[in-house]
C-alpha atoms as a PDB file:
ATOM      1  CA  VAL A   1      48.306 107.425  81.316  1.00  0.00           C
ATOM      2  CA  HIS A   2      45.637 107.164  78.939  1.00  0.00           C
ATOM      3  CA  GLU A   3      43.469 108.300  81.420  1.00  0.00           C
ATOM      4  CA  ALA A   4      45.828 111.143  82.790  1.00  0.00           C
ATOM      5  CA  ILE A   5      45.806 112.304  79.463  1.00  0.00           C
ATOM      6  CA  ALA A   6      42.664 111.475  77.593  1.00  0.00           C
ATOM      7  CA  GLY A   7      40.196 110.733  80.772  1.00  0.00           C
ATOM      8  CA  PRO A   8      36.883 112.950  81.397  1.00  0.00           C
ATOM      9  CA  LYS A   9      39.352 114.078  84.186  1.00  0.00           C
ATOM     10  CA  GLY A  10      42.693 114.374  82.040  1.00  0.00           C
ATOM     11  CA  LEU A  11      44.469 117.126  80.477  1.00  0.00           C
ATOM     12  CA  LEU A  12      42.477 117.275  77.083  1.00  0.00           C
ATOM     13  CA  ALA A  13      39.280 117.897  79.391  1.00  0.00           C
ATOM     14  CA  ALA A  14      40.296 121.191  80.326  1.00  0.00           C
ATOM     15  CA  GLY A  15      40.344 122.176  76.615  1.00  0.00           C
ATOM     16  CA  ASN A  16      43.583 124.299  76.540  1.00  0.00           C
ATOM     17  CA  LYS A  17      43.768 124.409  72.234  1.00  0.00           C
ATOM     18  CA  ASN A  18      47.789 125.735  72.703  1.00  0.00           C
ATOM     19  CA  LEU A  19      48.566 122.650  75.189  1.00  0.00           C
ATOM     20  CA  VAL A  20      52.102 120.697  74.384  1.00  0.00           C
ATOM     21  CA  ILE A  21      52.042 117.605  76.101  1.00  0.00           C
ATOM     22  CA  ILE A  22      55.259 115.624  76.835  1.00  0.00           C
ATOM     23  CA  GLU A  23      54.598 112.051  77.049  1.00  0.00           C
ATOM     24  CA  LEU A  24      57.917 110.015  78.845  1.00  0.00           C
ATOM     25  CA  SER A  25      56.991 106.476  79.158  1.00  0.00           C
ATOM     26  CA  THR A  26      58.297 103.714  77.133  1.00  0.00           C
ATOM     27  CA  LEU A  27      54.230 102.502  76.204  1.00  0.00           C
ATOM     28  CA  ALA A  28      53.915 100.391  72.889  1.00  0.00           C
ATOM     29  CA  LEU A  29      54.184 102.625  70.166  1.00  0.00           C
ATOM     30  CA  LYS A  30      50.242 101.905  69.831  1.00  0.00           C
ATOM     31  CA  HIS A  31      49.513 103.241  72.738  1.00  0.00           C
ATOM     32  CA  LYS A  32      51.849 106.745  71.927  1.00  0.00           C
ATOM     33  CA  GLU A  33      49.599 107.213  68.573  1.00  0.00           C
ATOM     34  CA  ALA A  34      46.414 106.597  70.140  1.00  0.00           C
ATOM     35  CA  LEU A  35      47.534 109.536  72.678  1.00  0.00           C
ATOM     36  CA  ALA A  36      48.761 111.394  69.968  1.00  0.00           C
ATOM     37  CA  ALA A  37      45.770 111.288  67.925  1.00  0.00           C
ATOM     38  CA  ALA A  38      43.362 112.038  70.781  1.00  0.00           C
ATOM     39  CA  ALA A  39      45.402 115.233  71.704  1.00  0.00           C
ATOM     40  CA  ALA A  40      45.155 116.328  67.882  1.00  0.00           C
ATOM     41  CA  ARG A  41      41.661 116.307  67.995  1.00  0.00           C
ATOM     42  CA  GLY A  42      41.415 118.048  71.380  1.00  0.00           C
ATOM     43  CA  GLY A  43      44.000 120.857  69.600  1.00  0.00           C
ATOM     44  CA  ALA A  44      46.642 119.880  71.968  1.00  0.00           C
ATOM     45  CA  VAL A  45      49.870 118.489  70.296  1.00  0.00           C
ATOM     46  CA  LEU A  46      51.757 115.257  72.422  1.00  0.00           C
ATOM     47  CA  LEU A  47      55.374 114.741  72.118  1.00  0.00           C
ATOM     48  CA  ASP A  48      56.700 111.058  72.269  1.00  0.00           C
ATOM     49  CA  SER A  49      59.426 111.780  74.763  1.00  0.00           C
ATOM     50  CA  PRO A  50      60.305 108.569  76.786  1.00  0.00           C
ATOM     51  CA  LEU A  51      63.269 109.102  79.285  1.00  0.00           C
ATOM     52  CA  SER A  52      66.028 106.523  79.597  1.00  0.00           C
ATOM     53  CA  GLY A  53      67.844 106.286  83.162  1.00  0.00           C
ATOM     54  CA  VAL A  54      67.264 105.115  86.985  1.00  0.00           C
ATOM     55  CA  PRO A  55      65.828 107.339  89.544  1.00  0.00           C
ATOM     56  CA  ARG A  56      69.378 108.665  90.635  1.00  0.00           C
ATOM     57  CA  MET A  57      70.105 109.591  87.073  1.00  0.00           C
ATOM     58  CA  VAL A  58      66.651 111.613  87.027  1.00  0.00           C
ATOM     59  CA  ARG A  59      67.855 113.089  90.456  1.00  0.00           C
ATOM     60  CA  ASP A  60      71.289 114.024  88.930  1.00  0.00           C
ATOM     61  CA  ARG A  61      69.648 115.450  85.421  1.00  0.00           C
ATOM     62  CA  ALA A  62      71.792 113.187  84.069  1.00  0.00           C
ATOM     63  CA  ALA A  63      68.581 111.036  82.322  1.00  0.00           C
ATOM     64  CA  ILE A  64      68.408 111.106  78.453  1.00  0.00           C
ATOM     65  CA  ILE A  65      65.330 112.164  76.562  1.00  0.00           C
ATOM     66  CA  PHE A  66      64.452 111.337  73.035  1.00  0.00           C
ATOM     67  CA  ALA A  67      62.362 113.635  72.428  1.00  0.00           C
ATOM     68  CA  SER A  68      60.047 113.295  68.933  1.00  0.00           C
ATOM     69  CA  GLY A  69      56.710 115.050  67.522  1.00  0.00           C
ATOM     70  CA  ASP A  70      56.368 118.223  65.682  1.00  0.00           C
ATOM     71  CA  LYS A  71      59.256 120.711  66.290  1.00  0.00           C
ATOM     72  CA  ALA A  72      57.437 123.725  66.887  1.00  0.00           C
ATOM     73  CA  ALA A  73      55.821 122.165  69.800  1.00  0.00           C
ATOM     74  CA  TYR A  74      59.653 120.901  70.924  1.00  0.00           C
ATOM     75  CA  GLU A  75      61.035 124.472  70.866  1.00  0.00           C
ATOM     76  CA  ARG A  76      57.731 125.667  72.977  1.00  0.00           C
ATOM     77  CA  ALA A  77      58.503 122.907  75.374  1.00  0.00           C
ATOM     78  CA  LYS A  78      62.350 123.067  75.694  1.00  0.00           C
ATOM     79  CA  PHE A  79      62.667 124.873  78.578  1.00  0.00           C
ATOM     80  CA  ALA A  80      60.612 121.860  80.548  1.00  0.00           C
ATOM     81  CA  PHE A  81      63.061 119.214  78.899  1.00  0.00           C
ATOM     82  CA  ASP A  82      66.073 121.685  79.812  1.00  0.00           C
ATOM     83  CA  GLY A  83      64.326 121.914  83.683  1.00  0.00           C
ATOM     84  CA  MET A  84      64.625 118.054  83.604  1.00  0.00           C
ATOM     85  CA  SER A  85      67.590 117.210  82.143  1.00  0.00           C
ATOM     86  CA  ASP A  86      71.259 118.353  80.881  1.00  0.00           C
ATOM     87  CA  ARG A  87      70.650 115.165  77.856  1.00  0.00           C
ATOM     88  CA  ALA A  88      67.503 116.007  76.593  1.00  0.00           C
ATOM     89  CA  PHE A  89      67.627 115.543  72.261  1.00  0.00           C
ATOM     90  CA  TYR A  90      65.151 116.604  69.691  1.00  0.00           C
ATOM     91  CA  LEU A  91      65.021 113.798  66.784  1.00  0.00           C
ATOM     92  CA  GLY A  92      62.234 114.641  64.318  1.00  0.00           C
END
């Protein structure tokens, strides 16, 4: 995940200062904090948004997404959450 976001060919390497990154894994908090810090240094925002569900639930849009981070970034990315699941929640 770190390489895909902060690696030399990752999302942040593109230099998009208005980027909102939705991180859906269940990585340990220290890894998520490091990714959020890297995003901030690159002018982007990372939303910590672990997804809970099995593949069938994801397919059926029934997986639960628990999003946290910058509220304005969440609002900008809400269309993406709505596209992934009928059960996405902003936790603050």
